[in-house]
Structures are given as structure tokens and as C-alpha cells.
Amino acid sequence: MNSDTFFKLAIGLALLILLFYIIFHGFSLLFIILLILWAIYLYFLWNSTKKESFSIKNFSIVLVIIFVVSFIFILIPNKNKKEKSVKTSTSTEKISNKENANGYYLNQTDVTTQIFGADTNGDGNGNEARAVVSPLTNIGYTGDSNAKLVEFEIRNIKLNGNKIGNVVTIAPTHIPSGTTCFGWYLEDCHNPINPNDIKDAGSTIKYRVVDGKAQYLDEVSNSDAITPNFRVILTDLGEFDHDKIMKEEGSFSSKKIPEYVNLNKGDLGNELEYEIYMKFDDGTDNSWKVVSDL
């Protein structure tokens, strides 16, 4: 192999590697430019063997072929990604709709994430960026069971992929479930908790099991559907000066808190993971592992 051929192959390989990198990281202007460069390279490589003059028609054919092949490679990962999502959803649905021996079934799991400002210096204005991850879990109950629920726990609570801040699990307190206004830390908003006083419940939360309807946030019923409340708070995400922002911009927007502290949502984490554990008076137990994308 002479040096000229080696040089051509090296350039071709480099362009090919870049092309496939961009294909698997999304269709973009850079992809278009590289696609055209790759077509030009192949065309002139072909012409150097054919000893033909430049032809718009032949070049267009090469460009179209490469574009079609590349587009197929773009669709393959996207298709697999969609299929993976569908499979995950289907798998969860099968578990959710499968009743255990005691009539409970996992009906719904979801999660929301919000960024807010916590007033840690006591001046009445938020100064520290925090995030609250709020899971919504609904466990249905058919009533077709002779066994009674005696223990209920949320276990192994994890925030996967977290890169910033401190993770604090908030357990529900003994306040009426009919409370109309809740604060960030599951407290009555009319009696707010000092943000410096929040306590980490750790990776396990145990609920009180009661007969009849649950009346308080920290209770679950042994004869009805269950919606366990808990939250995960991320503290120390950055500080901002409320008064300075008001002076410089003329207004303050809570939606811009991530911008004020240069916070990327991806740094918060990508999944909330936890296990639902239930034990019954006949000695049997049941658990579901839940993983929700943030």
C-alpha cells in the first residue's frame, strides 16, 4: 500500500467515524456538512479509479445513497429507543395489573420535579435553590382478600444519577390528609417548616396501618386504595441574591432560578427508585420495585 492510498483511507476512516458519531447523537447541521464531505470524498475516490471527469449526476447519486443509508442508521437507534420505552411501559403495566393474593395491585406511578427558592437566611425571600421530587403512587384494592394489611413501607429510596446538592428524604407528618395546602416539605403551608430544620428520613419510610379510611398523611388503610406520600428534596443547589436580581432586572421569576444559579436539570438525577413493601396478617408479603424517570 503506497502512502497516497494510505492517506486516502485514513481520511475516509476519520470521516466515517465522525459521521457515525453524529448519526447516533442526533441529526444536525454538522451532520449535513459531514455527509456532504463524505460524499465528495467517496465520489473523488471513485473517480480516481475510473479516471472520469467531474459529473453532477454521478455526485448526486453518491450523495443520495449515503443520505439514505445514514437516515436508516438514524432510525435504527431511535426505533430501538422507542421499543425499549414501550417494553418498559408494558412490563410495568403487567406488574401493575397483576393482583397479588391479597387483592392489591400497583395502579399508577409517576413523578414530578420542581425547582424552588428556600429562605434559609430568614429575610422573607428565597436565597437557596432547591429541588423537590414528588412521586405519585397509587395502589388499588379489590377487596377480594381474607388477609389484612399489617405493615406498609417505602424502602430503598434512591435518586439515581444525582451529581449536585444533598439528597434529603421527606417522610409525611401526622397532619390531616384533607389539608388543602401543603408546603414543599409536606407540611401544612399555613404552618411552614423552617428550611434549615428539615430532617432526612433516610432510605426507608414506615407508615401507620389503620382500619377504615386513612385520615392522616402518615397513614395507609388496610381496606382501601393506598396513595403513600413522600418527597425527595435536593438542597444546596446554589445561592442567589433576590434583592440584587430585583434591582438589576426589575423582577424576580421562580422559573429562572436554575438560570440564576447556573443549574442544569440533568445534574439533579435521572431516576427516582424505590420499593413498596407490604406485609399481611397471614404471614405473606409483597413488594414492587418502582423506577420513574425524572
C-alpha atoms as a PDB file:
ATOM      1  CA  MET A   1       0.000   0.000   0.000  1.00  0.00           C
ATOM      2  CA  ASN A   2       1.530   3.312  -1.054  1.00  0.00           C
ATOM      3  CA  SER A   3       1.408   6.470   1.022  1.00  0.00           C
ATOM      4  CA  ASP A   4      -1.224   8.098  -1.202  1.00  0.00           C
ATOM      5  CA  THR A   5      -3.644   5.190  -0.769  1.00  0.00           C
ATOM      6  CA  PHE A   6      -2.968   5.051   2.975  1.00  0.00           C
ATOM      7  CA  PHE A   7      -3.669   8.794   3.296  1.00  0.00           C
ATOM      8  CA  LYS A   8      -6.965   8.453   1.427  1.00  0.00           C
ATOM      9  CA  LEU A   9      -8.071   5.523   3.592  1.00  0.00           C
ATOM     10  CA  ALA A  10      -7.102   7.379   6.780  1.00  0.00           C
ATOM     11  CA  ILE A  11      -9.153  10.429   5.769  1.00  0.00           C
ATOM     12  CA  GLY A  12     -12.080   8.192   4.832  1.00  0.00           C
ATOM     13  CA  LEU A  13     -11.954   6.325   8.134  1.00  0.00           C
ATOM     14  CA  ALA A  14     -11.827   9.573  10.141  1.00  0.00           C
ATOM     15  CA  LEU A  15     -14.812  10.992   8.254  1.00  0.00           C
ATOM     16  CA  LEU A  16     -16.710   7.731   8.714  1.00  0.00           C
ATOM     17  CA  ILE A  17     -16.108   7.681  12.475  1.00  0.00           C
ATOM     18  CA  LEU A  18     -17.270  11.290  12.807  1.00  0.00           C
ATOM     19  CA  LEU A  19     -20.295  10.592  10.623  1.00  0.00           C
ATOM     20  CA  PHE A  20     -21.460   7.648  12.738  1.00  0.00           C
ATOM     21  CA  TYR A  21     -20.797   9.569  15.958  1.00  0.00           C
ATOM     22  CA  ILE A  22     -23.105  12.354  14.794  1.00  0.00           C
ATOM     23  CA  ILE A  23     -25.678   9.853  13.471  1.00  0.00           C
ATOM     24  CA  PHE A  24     -26.021   8.293  16.931  1.00  0.00           C
ATOM     25  CA  HIS A  25     -26.086  11.693  18.679  1.00  0.00           C
ATOM     26  CA  GLY A  26     -28.784  13.279  16.573  1.00  0.00           C
ATOM     27  CA  PHE A  27     -29.448  14.823  13.181  1.00  0.00           C
ATOM     28  CA  SER A  28     -27.855  18.280  12.974  1.00  0.00           C
ATOM     29  CA  LEU A  29     -26.277  20.860  10.648  1.00  0.00           C
ATOM     30  CA  LEU A  30     -22.877  19.359  11.411  1.00  0.00           C
ATOM     31  CA  PHE A  31     -24.221  16.017  10.208  1.00  0.00           C
ATOM     32  CA  ILE A  32     -25.323  17.560   6.901  1.00  0.00           C
ATOM     33  CA  ILE A  33     -21.920  19.172   6.360  1.00  0.00           C
ATOM     34  CA  LEU A  34     -20.075  15.966   7.199  1.00  0.00           C
ATOM     35  CA  LEU A  35     -22.431  13.975   4.999  1.00  0.00           C
ATOM     36  CA  ILE A  36     -21.596  16.194   2.034  1.00  0.00           C
ATOM     37  CA  LEU A  37     -17.857  15.931   2.775  1.00  0.00           C
ATOM     38  CA  TRP A  38     -18.131  12.155   2.938  1.00  0.00           C
ATOM     39  CA  ALA A  39     -19.995  12.101  -0.402  1.00  0.00           C
ATOM     40  CA  ILE A  40     -17.339  14.290  -2.007  1.00  0.00           C
ATOM     41  CA  TYR A  41     -14.609  12.025  -0.650  1.00  0.00           C
ATOM     42  CA  LEU A  42     -16.253   8.843  -1.973  1.00  0.00           C
ATOM     43  CA  TYR A  43     -17.010  10.452  -5.289  1.00  0.00           C
ATOM     44  CA  PHE A  44     -13.442  11.540  -5.945  1.00  0.00           C
ATOM     45  CA  LEU A  45     -12.150   8.186  -4.667  1.00  0.00           C
ATOM     46  CA  TRP A  46     -14.429   6.508  -7.186  1.00  0.00           C
ATOM     47  CA  ASN A  47     -13.414   8.893  -9.961  1.00  0.00           C
ATOM     48  CA  SER A  48      -9.727   8.331  -9.238  1.00  0.00           C
ATOM     49  CA  THR A  49     -10.211   4.667 -10.149  1.00  0.00           C
ATOM     50  CA  LYS A  50     -12.466   5.401 -13.131  1.00  0.00           C
ATOM     51  CA  LYS A  51     -10.368   8.298 -14.427  1.00  0.00           C
ATOM     52  CA  GLU A  52     -13.552  10.189 -15.237  1.00  0.00           C
ATOM     53  CA  SER A  53     -14.213  13.944 -15.138  1.00  0.00           C
ATOM     54  CA  PHE A  54     -16.479  15.529 -12.541  1.00  0.00           C
ATOM     55  CA  SER A  55     -20.189  14.747 -13.058  1.00  0.00           C
ATOM     56  CA  ILE A  56     -23.011  16.398 -11.130  1.00  0.00           C
ATOM     57  CA  LYS A  57     -25.231  13.419 -11.895  1.00  0.00           C
ATOM     58  CA  ASN A  58     -22.800  10.848 -10.510  1.00  0.00           C
ATOM     59  CA  PHE A  59     -22.067  13.007  -7.462  1.00  0.00           C
ATOM     60  CA  SER A  60     -25.787  13.395  -6.771  1.00  0.00           C
ATOM     61  CA  ILE A  61     -26.243   9.622  -6.931  1.00  0.00           C
ATOM     62  CA  VAL A  62     -23.457   9.094  -4.397  1.00  0.00           C
ATOM     63  CA  LEU A  63     -24.889  11.794  -2.124  1.00  0.00           C
ATOM     64  CA  VAL A  64     -28.415  10.335  -2.230  1.00  0.00           C
ATOM     65  CA  ILE A  65     -27.184   6.800  -1.498  1.00  0.00           C
ATOM     66  CA  ILE A  66     -25.147   7.971   1.501  1.00  0.00           C
ATOM     67  CA  PHE A  67     -28.033  10.101   2.761  1.00  0.00           C
ATOM     68  CA  VAL A  68     -30.480   7.159   2.583  1.00  0.00           C
ATOM     69  CA  VAL A  69     -28.073   4.768   4.323  1.00  0.00           C
ATOM     70  CA  SER A  70     -27.315   7.349   7.028  1.00  0.00           C
ATOM     71  CA  PHE A  71     -31.000   8.072   7.545  1.00  0.00           C
ATOM     72  CA  ILE A  72     -31.612   4.341   8.082  1.00  0.00           C
ATOM     73  CA  PHE A  73     -28.893   4.324  10.740  1.00  0.00           C
ATOM     74  CA  ILE A  74     -30.583   7.303  12.397  1.00  0.00           C
ATOM     75  CA  LEU A  75     -33.908   5.488  12.505  1.00  0.00           C
ATOM     76  CA  ILE A  76     -32.466   2.280  13.972  1.00  0.00           C
ATOM     77  CA  PRO A  77     -31.348   3.763  17.332  1.00  0.00           C
ATOM     78  CA  ASN A  78     -34.497   5.901  17.559  1.00  0.00           C
ATOM     79  CA  LYS A  79     -36.655   2.872  16.849  1.00  0.00           C
ATOM     80  CA  ASN A  80     -34.819   0.804  19.437  1.00  0.00           C
ATOM     81  CA  LYS A  81     -35.164   3.639  21.927  1.00  0.00           C
ATOM     82  CA  LYS A  82     -38.927   3.774  21.355  1.00  0.00           C
ATOM     83  CA  GLU A  83     -39.225  -0.004  21.562  1.00  0.00           C
ATOM     84  CA  LYS A  84     -37.247  -0.012  24.800  1.00  0.00           C
ATOM     85  CA  SER A  85     -39.583   2.612  26.234  1.00  0.00           C
ATOM     86  CA  VAL A  86     -42.637   0.656  25.138  1.00  0.00           C
ATOM     87  CA  LYS A  87     -41.248  -2.560  26.608  1.00  0.00           C
ATOM     88  CA  THR A  88     -40.567  -0.834  29.916  1.00  0.00           C
ATOM     89  CA  SER A  89     -44.069   0.577  29.952  1.00  0.00           C
ATOM     90  CA  THR A  90     -45.579  -2.795  29.032  1.00  0.00           C
ATOM     91  CA  SER A  91     -43.549  -4.576  31.698  1.00  0.00           C
ATOM     92  CA  THR A  92     -44.680  -2.085  34.336  1.00  0.00           C
ATOM     93  CA  GLU A  93     -48.240  -2.416  33.140  1.00  0.00           C
ATOM     94  CA  LYS A  94     -48.137  -6.202  33.504  1.00  0.00           C
ATOM     95  CA  ILE A  95     -46.849  -5.926  37.053  1.00  0.00           C
ATOM     96  CA  SER A  96     -49.302  -3.124  37.798  1.00  0.00           C
ATOM     97  CA  ASN A  97     -52.347  -5.049  36.631  1.00  0.00           C
ATOM     98  CA  LYS A  98     -51.340  -8.308  38.283  1.00  0.00           C
ATOM     99  CA  GLU A  99     -53.076  -8.658  41.614  1.00  0.00           C
ATOM    100  CA  ASN A 100     -51.270 -10.380  44.411  1.00  0.00           C
ATOM    101  CA  ALA A 101     -53.049 -12.902  46.628  1.00  0.00           C
ATOM    102  CA  ASN A 102     -54.398 -10.193  48.874  1.00  0.00           C
ATOM    103  CA  GLY A 103     -56.160  -8.021  46.343  1.00  0.00           C
ATOM    104  CA  TYR A 104     -53.707  -5.129  45.990  1.00  0.00           C
ATOM    105  CA  TYR A 105     -52.285  -4.020  42.635  1.00  0.00           C
ATOM    106  CA  LEU A 106     -49.970  -1.251  41.527  1.00  0.00           C
ATOM    107  CA  ASN A 107     -52.219   1.111  39.623  1.00  0.00           C
ATOM    108  CA  GLN A 108     -50.137   4.214  38.865  1.00  0.00           C
ATOM    109  CA  THR A 109     -46.615   5.531  39.321  1.00  0.00           C
ATOM    110  CA  ASP A 110     -45.429   8.962  38.233  1.00  0.00           C
ATOM    111  CA  VAL A 111     -43.064  11.688  39.409  1.00  0.00           C
ATOM    112  CA  THR A 112     -42.701  15.466  39.085  1.00  0.00           C
ATOM    113  CA  THR A 113     -39.668  17.669  39.704  1.00  0.00           C
ATOM    114  CA  GLN A 114     -39.767  21.369  40.634  1.00  0.00           C
ATOM    115  CA  ILE A 115     -37.074  23.936  41.391  1.00  0.00           C
ATOM    116  CA  PHE A 116     -37.826  26.483  44.117  1.00  0.00           C
ATOM    117  CA  GLY A 117     -36.141  29.053  46.321  1.00  0.00           C
ATOM    118  CA  ALA A 118     -35.719  28.328  50.021  1.00  0.00           C
ATOM    119  CA  ASP A 119     -35.439  31.159  52.547  1.00  0.00           C
ATOM    120  CA  THR A 120     -32.511  29.880  54.613  1.00  0.00           C
ATOM    121  CA  ASN A 121     -31.354  33.299  55.825  1.00  0.00           C
ATOM    122  CA  GLY A 122     -34.740  34.356  57.248  1.00  0.00           C
ATOM    123  CA  ASP A 123     -35.198  37.598  55.321  1.00  0.00           C
ATOM    124  CA  GLY A 124     -38.503  36.550  53.794  1.00  0.00           C
ATOM    125  CA  ASN A 125     -37.067  35.965  50.323  1.00  0.00           C
ATOM    126  CA  GLY A 126     -35.684  32.780  48.831  1.00  0.00           C
ATOM    127  CA  ASN A 127     -31.909  32.663  48.558  1.00  0.00           C
ATOM    128  CA  GLU A 128     -31.038  28.971  48.077  1.00  0.00           C
ATOM    129  CA  ALA A 129     -32.026  26.896  45.064  1.00  0.00           C
ATOM    130  CA  ARG A 130     -33.622  23.570  45.935  1.00  0.00           C
ATOM    131  CA  ALA A 131     -35.472  20.875  44.040  1.00  0.00           C
ATOM    132  CA  VAL A 132     -38.411  18.746  45.143  1.00  0.00           C
ATOM    133  CA  VAL A 133     -39.049  15.339  43.579  1.00  0.00           C
ATOM    134  CA  SER A 134     -42.656  14.304  44.196  1.00  0.00           C
ATOM    135  CA  PRO A 135     -43.677  10.720  43.382  1.00  0.00           C
ATOM    136  CA  LEU A 136     -47.309   9.865  42.740  1.00  0.00           C
ATOM    137  CA  THR A 137     -48.039   6.234  43.548  1.00  0.00           C
ATOM    138  CA  ASN A 138     -51.490   4.696  43.583  1.00  0.00           C
ATOM    139  CA  ILE A 139     -52.140   1.164  44.810  1.00  0.00           C
ATOM    140  CA  GLY A 140     -55.575  -0.170  44.013  1.00  0.00           C
ATOM    141  CA  TYR A 141     -57.524  -2.559  46.207  1.00  0.00           C
ATOM    142  CA  THR A 142     -60.186  -5.009  45.036  1.00  0.00           C
ATOM    143  CA  GLY A 143     -61.313  -6.131  48.487  1.00  0.00           C
ATOM    144  CA  ASP A 144     -61.019  -9.794  47.447  1.00  0.00           C
ATOM    145  CA  SER A 145     -58.848 -10.930  50.335  1.00  0.00           C
ATOM    146  CA  ASN A 146     -59.190 -12.516  53.743  1.00  0.00           C
ATOM    147  CA  ALA A 147     -55.755 -11.290  54.860  1.00  0.00           C
ATOM    148  CA  LYS A 148     -55.335  -7.848  56.381  1.00  0.00           C
ATOM    149  CA  LEU A 149     -52.503  -5.462  55.703  1.00  0.00           C
ATOM    150  CA  VAL A 150     -50.400  -5.022  58.859  1.00  0.00           C
ATOM    151  CA  GLU A 151     -47.206  -3.345  57.603  1.00  0.00           C
ATOM    152  CA  PHE A 152     -46.541  -0.861  54.829  1.00  0.00           C
ATOM    153  CA  GLU A 153     -43.170   0.664  53.953  1.00  0.00           C
ATOM    154  CA  ILE A 154     -41.399   2.562  51.205  1.00  0.00           C
ATOM    155  CA  ARG A 155     -37.890   1.126  51.093  1.00  0.00           C
ATOM    156  CA  ASN A 156     -34.570   1.647  49.316  1.00  0.00           C
ATOM    157  CA  ILE A 157     -35.362   5.194  48.192  1.00  0.00           C
ATOM    158  CA  LYS A 158     -32.656   6.319  45.755  1.00  0.00           C
ATOM    159  CA  LEU A 159     -32.107   9.243  43.418  1.00  0.00           C
ATOM    160  CA  ASN A 160     -30.047   7.768  40.607  1.00  0.00           C
ATOM    161  CA  GLY A 161     -27.655   9.903  38.578  1.00  0.00           C
ATOM    162  CA  ASN A 162     -27.564  12.771  41.062  1.00  0.00           C
ATOM    163  CA  LYS A 163     -24.462  14.964  40.620  1.00  0.00           C
ATOM    164  CA  ILE A 164     -25.126  18.001  42.804  1.00  0.00           C
ATOM    165  CA  GLY A 165     -26.572  19.016  46.169  1.00  0.00           C
ATOM    166  CA  ASN A 166     -27.604  16.960  49.187  1.00  0.00           C
ATOM    167  CA  VAL A 167     -30.426  14.415  48.997  1.00  0.00           C
ATOM    168  CA  VAL A 168     -32.995  14.570  51.803  1.00  0.00           C
ATOM    169  CA  THR A 169     -35.959  12.189  52.005  1.00  0.00           C
ATOM    170  CA  ILE A 170     -39.087  13.765  53.482  1.00  0.00           C
ATOM    171  CA  ALA A 171     -41.484  11.466  55.323  1.00  0.00           C
ATOM    172  CA  PRO A 172     -45.127  12.510  55.743  1.00  0.00           C
ATOM    173  CA  THR A 173     -46.050  14.007  59.103  1.00  0.00           C
ATOM    174  CA  HIS A 174     -49.160  13.365  61.179  1.00  0.00           C
ATOM    175  CA  ILE A 175     -51.340  16.052  59.648  1.00  0.00           C
ATOM    176  CA  PRO A 176     -54.835  15.531  58.185  1.00  0.00           C
ATOM    177  CA  SER A 177     -54.831  14.179  54.642  1.00  0.00           C
ATOM    178  CA  GLY A 178     -57.622  16.614  53.851  1.00  0.00           C
ATOM    179  CA  THR A 179     -55.305  19.595  54.372  1.00  0.00           C
ATOM    180  CA  THR A 180     -55.899  21.939  51.466  1.00  0.00           C
ATOM    181  CA  CYS A 181     -52.413  23.420  51.205  1.00  0.00           C
ATOM    182  CA  PHE A 182     -49.103  21.618  51.538  1.00  0.00           C
ATOM    183  CA  GLY A 183     -45.641  23.149  51.614  1.00  0.00           C
ATOM    184  CA  TRP A 184     -42.530  21.869  49.863  1.00  0.00           C
ATOM    185  CA  TYR A 185     -41.786  19.544  52.794  1.00  0.00           C
ATOM    186  CA  LEU A 186     -45.294  18.015  53.103  1.00  0.00           C
ATOM    187  CA  GLU A 187     -46.186  20.351  55.944  1.00  0.00           C
ATOM    188  CA  ASP A 188     -49.305  22.491  56.284  1.00  0.00           C
ATOM    189  CA  CYS A 189     -48.393  25.607  54.297  1.00  0.00           C
ATOM    190  CA  HIS A 190     -50.100  27.738  56.957  1.00  0.00           C
ATOM    191  CA  ASN A 191     -47.574  26.428  59.450  1.00  0.00           C
ATOM    192  CA  PRO A 192     -44.398  26.189  57.343  1.00  0.00           C
ATOM    193  CA  ILE A 193     -41.236  24.386  58.398  1.00  0.00           C
ATOM    194  CA  ASN A 194     -38.014  26.343  58.651  1.00  0.00           C
ATOM    195  CA  PRO A 195     -35.996  25.130  55.626  1.00  0.00           C
ATOM    196  CA  ASN A 196     -32.959  24.804  57.887  1.00  0.00           C
ATOM    197  CA  ASP A 197     -34.834  22.347  60.122  1.00  0.00           C
ATOM    198  CA  ILE A 198     -35.891  19.672  57.640  1.00  0.00           C
ATOM    199  CA  LYS A 199     -34.912  16.133  58.648  1.00  0.00           C
ATOM    200  CA  ASP A 200     -33.765  13.300  56.432  1.00  0.00           C
ATOM    201  CA  ALA A 201     -35.963  10.213  56.828  1.00  0.00           C
ATOM    202  CA  GLY A 202     -33.310   8.034  55.220  1.00  0.00           C
ATOM    203  CA  SER A 203     -33.980   5.317  52.660  1.00  0.00           C
ATOM    204  CA  THR A 204     -36.996   3.755  54.426  1.00  0.00           C
ATOM    205  CA  ILE A 205     -40.342   5.243  55.455  1.00  0.00           C
ATOM    206  CA  LYS A 206     -42.767   3.247  57.590  1.00  0.00           C
ATOM    207  CA  TYR A 207     -46.482   4.137  57.584  1.00  0.00           C
ATOM    208  CA  ARG A 208     -49.139   3.519  60.203  1.00  0.00           C
ATOM    209  CA  VAL A 209     -51.700   0.931  59.022  1.00  0.00           C
ATOM    210  CA  VAL A 210     -55.235   1.736  60.144  1.00  0.00           C
ATOM    211  CA  ASP A 211     -58.693   0.215  59.872  1.00  0.00           C
ATOM    212  CA  GLY A 212     -61.061   2.019  57.586  1.00  0.00           C
ATOM    213  CA  LYS A 213     -60.081   5.196  55.775  1.00  0.00           C
ATOM    214  CA  ALA A 214     -56.675   6.799  56.327  1.00  0.00           C
ATOM    215  CA  GLN A 215     -57.157  10.212  57.946  1.00  0.00           C
ATOM    216  CA  TYR A 216     -53.555  11.439  58.087  1.00  0.00           C
ATOM    217  CA  LEU A 217     -50.645  11.687  55.670  1.00  0.00           C
ATOM    218  CA  ASP A 218     -48.554   9.132  57.556  1.00  0.00           C
ATOM    219  CA  GLU A 219     -51.355   6.534  57.499  1.00  0.00           C
ATOM    220  CA  VAL A 220     -52.494   3.899  54.990  1.00  0.00           C
ATOM    221  CA  SER A 221     -55.724   1.927  55.049  1.00  0.00           C
ATOM    222  CA  ASN A 222     -55.903  -1.854  55.337  1.00  0.00           C
ATOM    223  CA  SER A 223     -59.189  -1.931  53.435  1.00  0.00           C
ATOM    224  CA  ASP A 224     -58.905   0.712  50.734  1.00  0.00           C
ATOM    225  CA  ALA A 225     -56.693   2.030  47.939  1.00  0.00           C
ATOM    226  CA  ILE A 226     -53.346   3.452  49.061  1.00  0.00           C
ATOM    227  CA  THR A 227     -51.602   6.636  47.933  1.00  0.00           C
ATOM    228  CA  PRO A 228     -48.420   6.911  50.016  1.00  0.00           C
ATOM    229  CA  ASN A 229     -46.987  10.397  50.352  1.00  0.00           C
ATOM    230  CA  PHE A 230     -43.276  11.180  50.483  1.00  0.00           C
ATOM    231  CA  ARG A 231     -40.851  13.527  48.772  1.00  0.00           C
ATOM    232  CA  VAL A 232     -37.166  13.819  47.980  1.00  0.00           C
ATOM    233  CA  ILE A 233     -35.549  17.238  48.412  1.00  0.00           C
ATOM    234  CA  LEU A 234     -32.258  18.328  46.885  1.00  0.00           C
ATOM    235  CA  THR A 235     -30.653  21.119  48.915  1.00  0.00           C
ATOM    236  CA  ASP A 236     -27.564  23.303  48.318  1.00  0.00           C
ATOM    237  CA  LEU A 237     -28.056  23.635  44.573  1.00  0.00           C
ATOM    238  CA  GLY A 238     -26.674  27.174  44.571  1.00  0.00           C
ATOM    239  CA  GLU A 239     -27.405  30.583  46.057  1.00  0.00           C
ATOM    240  CA  PHE A 240     -28.841  33.727  44.507  1.00  0.00           C
ATOM    241  CA  ASP A 241     -29.377  37.295  45.677  1.00  0.00           C
ATOM    242  CA  HIS A 242     -33.079  38.121  45.450  1.00  0.00           C
ATOM    243  CA  ASP A 243     -32.641  41.857  46.096  1.00  0.00           C
ATOM    244  CA  LYS A 244     -29.818  42.163  43.570  1.00  0.00           C
ATOM    245  CA  ILE A 245     -31.885  40.413  40.904  1.00  0.00           C
ATOM    246  CA  MET A 246     -34.824  42.730  41.587  1.00  0.00           C
ATOM    247  CA  LYS A 247     -32.554  45.755  41.339  1.00  0.00           C
ATOM    248  CA  GLU A 248     -30.864  44.682  38.117  1.00  0.00           C
ATOM    249  CA  GLU A 249     -33.770  43.050  36.284  1.00  0.00           C
ATOM    250  CA  GLY A 250     -36.771  44.775  37.852  1.00  0.00           C
ATOM    251  CA  SER A 251     -38.497  41.478  38.603  1.00  0.00           C
ATOM    252  CA  PHE A 252     -37.882  38.035  40.005  1.00  0.00           C
ATOM    253  CA  SER A 253     -39.137  34.811  38.438  1.00  0.00           C
ATOM    254  CA  SER A 254     -39.010  31.452  40.204  1.00  0.00           C
ATOM    255  CA  LYS A 255     -38.885  29.830  36.767  1.00  0.00           C
ATOM    256  CA  LYS A 256     -35.489  31.446  36.245  1.00  0.00           C
ATOM    257  CA  ILE A 257     -33.921  30.091  39.455  1.00  0.00           C
ATOM    258  CA  PRO A 258     -31.926  27.456  37.504  1.00  0.00           C
ATOM    259  CA  GLU A 259     -30.562  30.318  35.392  1.00  0.00           C
ATOM    260  CA  TYR A 260     -29.711  32.400  38.469  1.00  0.00           C
ATOM    261  CA  VAL A 261     -27.544  29.590  39.895  1.00  0.00           C
ATOM    262  CA  ASN A 262     -26.344  28.046  36.591  1.00  0.00           C
ATOM    263  CA  LEU A 263     -28.166  24.800  37.297  1.00  0.00           C
ATOM    264  CA  ASN A 264     -28.621  22.080  34.682  1.00  0.00           C
ATOM    265  CA  LYS A 265     -31.634  19.866  35.275  1.00  0.00           C
ATOM    266  CA  GLY A 266     -29.636  16.818  34.228  1.00  0.00           C
ATOM    267  CA  ASP A 267     -27.407  17.282  37.290  1.00  0.00           C
ATOM    268  CA  LEU A 268     -30.342  16.586  39.608  1.00  0.00           C
ATOM    269  CA  GLY A 269     -30.543  12.944  38.567  1.00  0.00           C
ATOM    270  CA  ASN A 270     -32.373  10.833  36.008  1.00  0.00           C
ATOM    271  CA  GLU A 271     -34.413   8.332  38.036  1.00  0.00           C
ATOM    272  CA  LEU A 272     -36.244   8.009  41.309  1.00  0.00           C
ATOM    273  CA  GLU A 273     -36.114   4.429  42.547  1.00  0.00           C
ATOM    274  CA  TYR A 274     -37.923   2.870  45.497  1.00  0.00           C
ATOM    275  CA  GLU A 275     -39.563  -0.339  46.694  1.00  0.00           C
ATOM    276  CA  ILE A 276     -43.101  -0.708  48.009  1.00  0.00           C
ATOM    277  CA  TYR A 277     -43.289  -3.355  50.728  1.00  0.00           C
ATOM    278  CA  MET A 278     -46.498  -4.792  52.184  1.00  0.00           C
ATOM    279  CA  LYS A 279     -46.939  -7.461  54.860  1.00  0.00           C
ATOM    280  CA  PHE A 280     -50.194  -9.197  55.823  1.00  0.00           C
ATOM    281  CA  ASP A 281     -51.558 -10.868  58.933  1.00  0.00           C
ATOM    282  CA  ASP A 282     -51.397 -14.334  57.329  1.00  0.00           C
ATOM    283  CA  GLY A 283     -47.593 -14.042  57.158  1.00  0.00           C
ATOM    284  CA  THR A 284     -47.413 -13.314  53.425  1.00  0.00           C
ATOM    285  CA  ASP A 285     -45.775 -10.200  51.988  1.00  0.00           C
ATOM    286  CA  ASN A 286     -45.492  -8.424  48.661  1.00  0.00           C
ATOM    287  CA  SER A 287     -43.206  -5.834  47.122  1.00  0.00           C
ATOM    288  CA  TRP A 288     -42.888  -3.818  43.923  1.00  0.00           C
ATOM    289  CA  LYS A 289     -39.788  -2.066  42.694  1.00  0.00           C
ATOM    290  CA  VAL A 290     -40.599   1.286  41.085  1.00  0.00           C
ATOM    291  CA  VAL A 291     -38.230   3.250  38.848  1.00  0.00           C
ATOM    292  CA  SER A 292     -39.574   6.556  37.492  1.00  0.00           C
ATOM    293  CA  ASP A 293     -37.781   8.870  35.067  1.00  0.00           C
ATOM    294  CA  LEU A 294     -37.392  12.447  36.279  1.00  0.00           C
END
